């Protein structure tokens, strides 16, 4: 264990603080994310929606290397 963290409570290490998560909050990040989604969904559509016509299905397909098989 790191000596800096020994004998410190979670509160002292700020583990109890509340933070806001901001996703794609800048114009450039929104552009990148929307471009990815558009391109990935087009590719997923061309692959025949192997995991269903949902964003979750596309993400599963993308995560597993964009492989499709005939069922």
PDB file of N, CA and C in Angstrom:
ATOM      1  N   UNK A   1       0.844  -1.187   0.000  1.00  0.00           N
ATOM      2  CA  UNK A   1       0.000   0.000   0.000  1.00  0.00           C
ATOM      3  C   UNK A   1       0.882   1.241   0.000  1.00  0.00           C
ATOM      4  N   UNK A   2       0.423   2.250  -0.680  1.00  0.00           N
ATOM      5  CA  UNK A   2       1.141   3.505  -0.743  1.00  0.00           C
ATOM      6  C   UNK A   2       1.180   4.138   0.648  1.00  0.00           C
ATOM      7  N   UNK A   3       2.361   4.519   1.133  1.00  0.00           N
ATOM      8  CA  UNK A   3       2.476   5.106   2.477  1.00  0.00           C
ATOM      9  C   UNK A   3       1.661   6.379   2.655  1.00  0.00           C
ATOM     10  N   UNK A   4       1.390   7.102   1.572  1.00  0.00           N
ATOM     11  CA  UNK A   4       0.604   8.333   1.686  1.00  0.00           C
ATOM     12  C   UNK A   4      -0.836   8.049   2.085  1.00  0.00           C
ATOM     13  N   UNK A   5      -1.319   6.845   1.799  1.00  0.00           N
ATOM     14  CA  UNK A   5      -2.704   6.512   2.070  1.00  0.00           C
ATOM     15  C   UNK A   5      -2.894   5.705   3.346  1.00  0.00           C
ATOM     16  N   UNK A   6      -1.821   5.285   3.975  1.00  0.00           N
ATOM     17  CA  UNK A   6      -1.941   4.487   5.185  1.00  0.00           C
ATOM     18  C   UNK A   6      -2.569   5.298   6.309  1.00  0.00           C
ATOM     19  N   UNK A   7      -3.440   4.644   7.048  1.00  0.00           N
ATOM     20  CA  UNK A   7      -4.080   5.218   8.233  1.00  0.00           C
ATOM     21  C   UNK A   7      -4.944   6.443   7.934  1.00  0.00           C
ATOM     22  N   UNK A   8      -5.433   6.568   6.713  1.00  0.00           N
ATOM     23  CA  UNK A   8      -6.346   7.658   6.381  1.00  0.00           C
ATOM     24  C   UNK A   8      -7.729   7.074   6.157  1.00  0.00           C
ATOM     25  N   UNK A   9      -8.721   7.789   6.629  1.00  0.00           N
ATOM     26  CA  UNK A   9     -10.088   7.320   6.421  1.00  0.00           C
ATOM     27  C   UNK A   9     -10.527   7.635   4.998  1.00  0.00           C
ATOM     28  N   UNK A  10     -11.605   6.977   4.571  1.00  0.00           N
ATOM     29  CA  UNK A  10     -12.142   7.231   3.247  1.00  0.00           C
ATOM     30  C   UNK A  10     -12.558   8.702   3.115  1.00  0.00           C
ATOM     31  N   UNK A  11     -13.072   9.261   4.197  1.00  0.00           N
ATOM     32  CA  UNK A  11     -13.492  10.655   4.165  1.00  0.00           C
ATOM     33  C   UNK A  11     -12.285  11.578   3.956  1.00  0.00           C
ATOM     34  N   UNK A  12     -11.182  11.272   4.608  1.00  0.00           N
ATOM     35  CA  UNK A  12      -9.977  12.087   4.448  1.00  0.00           C
ATOM     36  C   UNK A  12      -9.431  12.009   3.023  1.00  0.00           C
ATOM     37  N   UNK A  13      -9.697  10.894   2.341  1.00  0.00           N
ATOM     38  CA  UNK A  13      -9.231  10.730   0.967  1.00  0.00           C
ATOM     39  C   UNK A  13     -10.259  11.218  -0.045  1.00  0.00           C
ATOM     40  N   UNK A  14     -11.331  11.859   0.435  1.00  0.00           N
ATOM     41  CA  UNK A  14     -12.377  12.442  -0.408  1.00  0.00           C
ATOM     42  C   UNK A  14     -13.176  11.415  -1.191  1.00  0.00           C
ATOM     43  N   UNK A  15     -13.322  10.197  -0.677  1.00  0.00           N
ATOM     44  CA  UNK A  15     -14.126   9.198  -1.357  1.00  0.00           C
ATOM     45  C   UNK A  15     -15.619   9.440  -1.184  1.00  0.00           C
ATOM     46  N   UNK A  16     -15.993  10.304  -0.253  1.00  0.00           N
ATOM     47  CA  UNK A  16     -17.407  10.541  -0.018  1.00  0.00           C
ATOM     48  C   UNK A  16     -17.936  11.742  -0.789  1.00  0.00           C
ATOM     49  N   UNK A  17     -17.089  12.436  -1.525  1.00  0.00           N
ATOM     50  CA  UNK A  17     -17.547  13.638  -2.215  1.00  0.00           C
ATOM     51  C   UNK A  17     -18.418  13.274  -3.415  1.00  0.00           C
ATOM     52  N   UNK A  18     -19.310  14.143  -3.708  1.00  0.00           N
ATOM     53  CA  UNK A  18     -20.201  13.954  -4.850  1.00  0.00           C
ATOM     54  C   UNK A  18     -19.628  14.722  -6.036  1.00  0.00           C
ATOM     55  N   UNK A  19     -19.536  14.060  -7.157  1.00  0.00           N
ATOM     56  CA  UNK A  19     -19.060  14.733  -8.358  1.00  0.00           C
ATOM     57  C   UNK A  19     -20.091  14.562  -9.456  1.00  0.00           C
ATOM     58  N   UNK A  20     -20.135  15.519 -10.344  1.00  0.00           N
ATOM     59  CA  UNK A  20     -21.024  15.435 -11.482  1.00  0.00           C
ATOM     60  C   UNK A  20     -20.255  14.856 -12.652  1.00  0.00           C
ATOM     61  N   UNK A  21     -20.872  13.925 -13.327  1.00  0.00           N
ATOM     62  CA  UNK A  21     -20.269  13.373 -14.525  1.00  0.00           C
ATOM     63  C   UNK A  21     -20.864  14.101 -15.712  1.00  0.00           C
ATOM     64  N   UNK A  22     -20.003  14.691 -16.511  1.00  0.00           N
ATOM     65  CA  UNK A  22     -20.475  15.389 -17.691  1.00  0.00           C
ATOM     66  C   UNK A  22     -19.947  14.652 -18.904  1.00  0.00           C
ATOM     67  N   UNK A  23     -20.854  14.155 -19.723  1.00  0.00           N
ATOM     68  CA  UNK A  23     -20.471  13.377 -20.888  1.00  0.00           C
ATOM     69  C   UNK A  23     -20.612  14.223 -22.139  1.00  0.00           C
ATOM     70  N   UNK A  24     -19.612  14.165 -22.990  1.00  0.00           N
ATOM     71  CA  UNK A  24     -19.643  14.880 -24.266  1.00  0.00           C
ATOM     72  C   UNK A  24     -20.136  16.305 -24.064  1.00  0.00           C
ATOM     73  N   UNK A  25     -19.519  16.993 -23.136  1.00  0.00           N
ATOM     74  CA  UNK A  25     -20.007  18.298 -22.736  1.00  0.00           C
ATOM     75  C   UNK A  25     -19.467  19.438 -23.595  1.00  0.00           C
ATOM     76  N   UNK A  26     -18.469  19.189 -24.398  1.00  0.00           N
ATOM     77  CA  UNK A  26     -17.937  20.250 -25.232  1.00  0.00           C
ATOM     78  C   UNK A  26     -18.404  20.034 -26.670  1.00  0.00           C
ATOM     79  N   UNK A  27     -18.475  21.087 -27.452  1.00  0.00           N
ATOM     80  CA  UNK A  27     -18.901  20.927 -28.847  1.00  0.00           C
ATOM     81  C   UNK A  27     -18.031  19.936 -29.619  1.00  0.00           C
ATOM     82  N   UNK A  28     -16.739  19.955 -29.391  1.00  0.00           N
ATOM     83  CA  UNK A  28     -15.862  19.037 -30.130  1.00  0.00           C
ATOM     84  C   UNK A  28     -16.101  17.582 -29.717  1.00  0.00           C
ATOM     85  N   UNK A  29     -16.349  17.329 -28.424  1.00  0.00           N
ATOM     86  CA  UNK A  29     -16.635  15.964 -27.983  1.00  0.00           C
ATOM     87  C   UNK A  29     -17.991  15.496 -28.518  1.00  0.00           C
ATOM     88  N   UNK A  30     -18.980  16.377 -28.518  1.00  0.00           N
ATOM     89  CA  UNK A  30     -20.284  16.007 -29.073  1.00  0.00           C
ATOM     90  C   UNK A  30     -20.159  15.638 -30.542  1.00  0.00           C
ATOM     91  N   UNK A  31     -19.347  16.384 -31.274  1.00  0.00           N
ATOM     92  CA  UNK A  31     -19.138  16.104 -32.700  1.00  0.00           C
ATOM     93  C   UNK A  31     -18.467  14.749 -32.894  1.00  0.00           C
ATOM     94  N   UNK A  32     -17.457  14.442 -32.085  1.00  0.00           N
ATOM     95  CA  UNK A  32     -16.754  13.163 -32.175  1.00  0.00           C
ATOM     96  C   UNK A  32     -17.692  12.004 -31.841  1.00  0.00           C
ATOM     97  N   UNK A  33     -18.435  12.131 -30.747  1.00  0.00           N
ATOM     98  CA  UNK A  33     -19.335  11.057 -30.316  1.00  0.00           C
ATOM     99  C   UNK A  33     -20.454  10.843 -31.322  1.00  0.00           C
ATOM    100  N   UNK A  34     -21.040  11.922 -31.805  1.00  0.00           N
ATOM    101  CA  UNK A  34     -22.135  11.762 -32.772  1.00  0.00           C
ATOM    102  C   UNK A  34     -21.619  11.188 -34.086  1.00  0.00           C
ATOM    103  N   UNK A  35     -20.412  11.570 -34.498  1.00  0.00           N
ATOM    104  CA  UNK A  35     -19.817  10.997 -35.705  1.00  0.00           C
ATOM    105  C   UNK A  35     -19.564   9.508 -35.554  1.00  0.00           C
ATOM    106  N   UNK A  36     -19.055   9.105 -34.398  1.00  0.00           N
ATOM    107  CA  UNK A  36     -18.827   7.683 -34.141  1.00  0.00           C
ATOM    108  C   UNK A  36     -20.143   6.911 -34.190  1.00  0.00           C
ATOM    109  N   UNK A  37     -21.154   7.432 -33.487  1.00  0.00           N
ATOM    110  CA  UNK A  37     -22.442   6.726 -33.435  1.00  0.00           C
ATOM    111  C   UNK A  37     -23.056   6.593 -34.823  1.00  0.00           C
ATOM    112  N   UNK A  38     -22.993   7.658 -35.593  1.00  0.00           N
ATOM    113  CA  UNK A  38     -23.568   7.624 -36.933  1.00  0.00           C
ATOM    114  C   UNK A  38     -22.851   6.600 -37.812  1.00  0.00           C
ATOM    115  N   UNK A  39     -21.525   6.644 -37.808  1.00  0.00           N
ATOM    116  CA  UNK A  39     -20.736   5.711 -38.621  1.00  0.00           C
ATOM    117  C   UNK A  39     -20.912   4.279 -38.150  1.00  0.00           C
ATOM    118  N   UNK A  40     -20.868   4.061 -36.841  1.00  0.00           N
ATOM    119  CA  UNK A  40     -21.005   2.709 -36.297  1.00  0.00           C
ATOM    120  C   UNK A  40     -22.384   2.148 -36.594  1.00  0.00           C
ATOM    121  N   UNK A  41     -23.435   2.967 -36.467  1.00  0.00           N
ATOM    122  CA  UNK A  41     -24.788   2.475 -36.749  1.00  0.00           C
ATOM    123  C   UNK A  41     -24.959   2.167 -38.233  1.00  0.00           C
ATOM    124  N   UNK A  42     -24.340   2.950 -39.109  1.00  0.00           N
ATOM    125  CA  UNK A  42     -24.394   2.646 -40.545  1.00  0.00           C
ATOM    126  C   UNK A  42     -23.725   1.302 -40.827  1.00  0.00           C
ATOM    127  N   UNK A  43     -22.559   1.086 -40.239  1.00  0.00           N
ATOM    128  CA  UNK A  43     -21.859  -0.194 -40.422  1.00  0.00           C
ATOM    129  C   UNK A  43     -22.658  -1.348 -39.833  1.00  0.00           C
ATOM    130  N   UNK A  44     -23.261  -1.110 -38.685  1.00  0.00           N
ATOM    131  CA  UNK A  44     -24.073  -2.137 -38.021  1.00  0.00           C
ATOM    132  C   UNK A  44     -25.298  -2.492 -38.864  1.00  0.00           C
ATOM    133  N   UNK A  45     -25.912  -1.486 -39.452  1.00  0.00           N
ATOM    134  CA  UNK A  45     -27.060  -1.717 -40.332  1.00  0.00           C
ATOM    135  C   UNK A  45     -26.643  -2.564 -41.531  1.00  0.00           C
ATOM    136  N   UNK A  46     -25.496  -2.242 -42.128  1.00  0.00           N
ATOM    137  CA  UNK A  46     -24.995  -3.005 -43.268  1.00  0.00           C
ATOM    138  C   UNK A  46     -24.657  -4.446 -42.887  1.00  0.00           C
ATOM    139  N   UNK A  47     -24.303  -4.661 -41.631  1.00  0.00           N
ATOM    140  CA  UNK A  47     -23.994  -6.016 -41.159  1.00  0.00           C
ATOM    141  C   UNK A  47     -25.268  -6.819 -40.884  1.00  0.00           C
ATOM    142  N   UNK A  48     -26.418  -6.169 -40.943  1.00  0.00           N
ATOM    143  CA  UNK A  48     -27.682  -6.879 -40.770  1.00  0.00           C
ATOM    144  C   UNK A  48     -28.208  -6.910 -39.348  1.00  0.00           C
ATOM    145  N   UNK A  49     -27.794  -5.969 -38.507  1.00  0.00           N
ATOM    146  CA  UNK A  49     -28.258  -5.896 -37.108  1.00  0.00           C
ATOM    147  C   UNK A  49     -28.139  -7.244 -36.386  1.00  0.00           C
ATOM    148  N   UNK A  50     -26.932  -7.824 -36.301  1.00  0.00           N
ATOM    149  CA  UNK A  50     -26.811  -9.160 -35.705  1.00  0.00           C
ATOM    150  C   UNK A  50     -27.230  -9.256 -34.235  1.00  0.00           C
ATOM    151  N   UNK A  51     -27.268  -8.151 -33.502  1.00  0.00           N
ATOM    152  CA  UNK A  51     -27.665  -8.180 -32.095  1.00  0.00           C
ATOM    153  C   UNK A  51     -28.923  -7.362 -31.850  1.00  0.00           C
ATOM    154  N   UNK A  52     -29.708  -7.145 -32.886  1.00  0.00           N
ATOM    155  CA  UNK A  52     -30.949  -6.393 -32.747  1.00  0.00           C
ATOM    156  C   UNK A  52     -30.773  -4.938 -33.149  1.00  0.00           C
ATOM    157  N   UNK A  53     -31.890  -4.273 -33.395  1.00  0.00           N
ATOM    158  CA  UNK A  53     -31.877  -2.893 -33.881  1.00  0.00           C
ATOM    159  C   UNK A  53     -31.846  -1.887 -32.733  1.00  0.00           C
ATOM    160  N   UNK A  54     -30.862  -2.023 -31.860  1.00  0.00           N
ATOM    161  CA  UNK A  54     -30.726  -1.098 -30.733  1.00  0.00           C
ATOM    162  C   UNK A  54     -29.291  -0.603 -30.641  1.00  0.00           C
ATOM    163  N   UNK A  55     -29.123   0.499 -29.934  1.00  0.00           N
ATOM    164  CA  UNK A  55     -27.779   1.030 -29.692  1.00  0.00           C
ATOM    165  C   UNK A  55     -26.964   0.027 -28.877  1.00  0.00           C
ATOM    166  N   UNK A  56     -27.610  -0.643 -27.928  1.00  0.00           N
ATOM    167  CA  UNK A  56     -26.918  -1.633 -27.103  1.00  0.00           C
ATOM    168  C   UNK A  56     -26.412  -2.782 -27.968  1.00  0.00           C
ATOM    169  N   UNK A  57     -27.233  -3.228 -28.919  1.00  0.00           N
ATOM    170  CA  UNK A  57     -26.809  -4.281 -29.838  1.00  0.00           C
ATOM    171  C   UNK A  57     -25.607  -3.857 -30.658  1.00  0.00           C
ATOM    172  N   UNK A  58     -25.627  -2.610 -31.129  1.00  0.00           N
ATOM    173  CA  UNK A  58     -24.494  -2.092 -31.901  1.00  0.00           C
ATOM    174  C   UNK A  58     -23.232  -2.054 -31.049  1.00  0.00           C
ATOM    175  N   UNK A  59     -23.364  -1.654 -29.791  1.00  0.00           N
ATOM    176  CA  UNK A  59     -22.194  -1.582 -28.922  1.00  0.00           C
ATOM    177  C   UNK A  59     -21.612  -2.963 -28.641  1.00  0.00           C
ATOM    178  N   UNK A  60     -22.471  -3.972 -28.477  1.00  0.00           N
ATOM    179  CA  UNK A  60     -21.993  -5.343 -28.292  1.00  0.00           C
ATOM    180  C   UNK A  60     -21.244  -5.790 -29.543  1.00  0.00           C
ATOM    181  N   UNK A  61     -21.841  -5.551 -30.690  1.00  0.00           N
ATOM    182  CA  UNK A  61     -21.226  -5.910 -31.970  1.00  0.00           C
ATOM    183  C   UNK A  61     -19.876  -5.218 -32.137  1.00  0.00           C
ATOM    184  N   UNK A  62     -19.828  -3.936 -31.826  1.00  0.00           N
ATOM    185  CA  UNK A  62     -18.592  -3.167 -31.953  1.00  0.00           C
ATOM    186  C   UNK A  62     -17.526  -3.684 -30.992  1.00  0.00           C
ATOM    187  N   UNK A  63     -17.920  -3.969 -29.754  1.00  0.00           N
ATOM    188  CA  UNK A  63     -16.981  -4.453 -28.738  1.00  0.00           C
ATOM    189  C   UNK A  63     -16.334  -5.776 -29.122  1.00  0.00           C
ATOM    190  N   UNK A  64     -17.096  -6.634 -29.774  1.00  0.00           N
ATOM    191  CA  UNK A  64     -16.577  -7.951 -30.122  1.00  0.00           C
ATOM    192  C   UNK A  64     -15.983  -8.008 -31.519  1.00  0.00           C
ATOM    193  N   UNK A  65     -15.507  -6.883 -31.998  1.00  0.00           N
ATOM    194  CA  UNK A  65     -14.707  -6.877 -33.218  1.00  0.00           C
ATOM    195  C   UNK A  65     -15.495  -6.839 -34.511  1.00  0.00           C
ATOM    196  N   UNK A  66     -16.764  -6.510 -34.441  1.00  0.00           N
ATOM    197  CA  UNK A  66     -17.584  -6.321 -35.620  1.00  0.00           C
ATOM    198  C   UNK A  66     -17.695  -7.576 -36.474  1.00  0.00           C
ATOM    199  N   UNK A  67     -17.718  -8.732 -35.815  1.00  0.00           N
ATOM    200  CA  UNK A  67     -17.888  -9.996 -36.510  1.00  0.00           C
ATOM    201  C   UNK A  67     -19.360 -10.358 -36.533  1.00  0.00           C
ATOM    202  N   UNK A  68     -19.797 -10.913 -37.632  1.00  0.00           N
ATOM    203  CA  UNK A  68     -21.174 -11.384 -37.717  1.00  0.00           C
ATOM    204  C   UNK A  68     -21.173 -12.815 -38.222  1.00  0.00           C
ATOM    205  N   UNK A  69     -22.168 -13.547 -37.828  1.00  0.00           N
ATOM    206  CA  UNK A  69     -22.336 -14.919 -38.322  1.00  0.00           C
ATOM    207  C   UNK A  69     -23.789 -15.109 -38.678  1.00  0.00           C
ATOM    208  N   UNK A  70     -24.045 -16.001 -39.585  1.00  0.00           N
ATOM    209  CA  UNK A  70     -25.423 -16.350 -39.922  1.00  0.00           C
ATOM    210  C   UNK A  70     -25.953 -17.289 -38.862  1.00  0.00           C
ATOM    211  N   UNK A  71     -27.082 -16.951 -38.300  1.00  0.00           N
ATOM    212  CA  UNK A  71     -27.681 -17.815 -37.268  1.00  0.00           C
ATOM    213  C   UNK A  71     -28.683 -18.734 -37.893  1.00  0.00           C
TER     214      UNK A  71
END
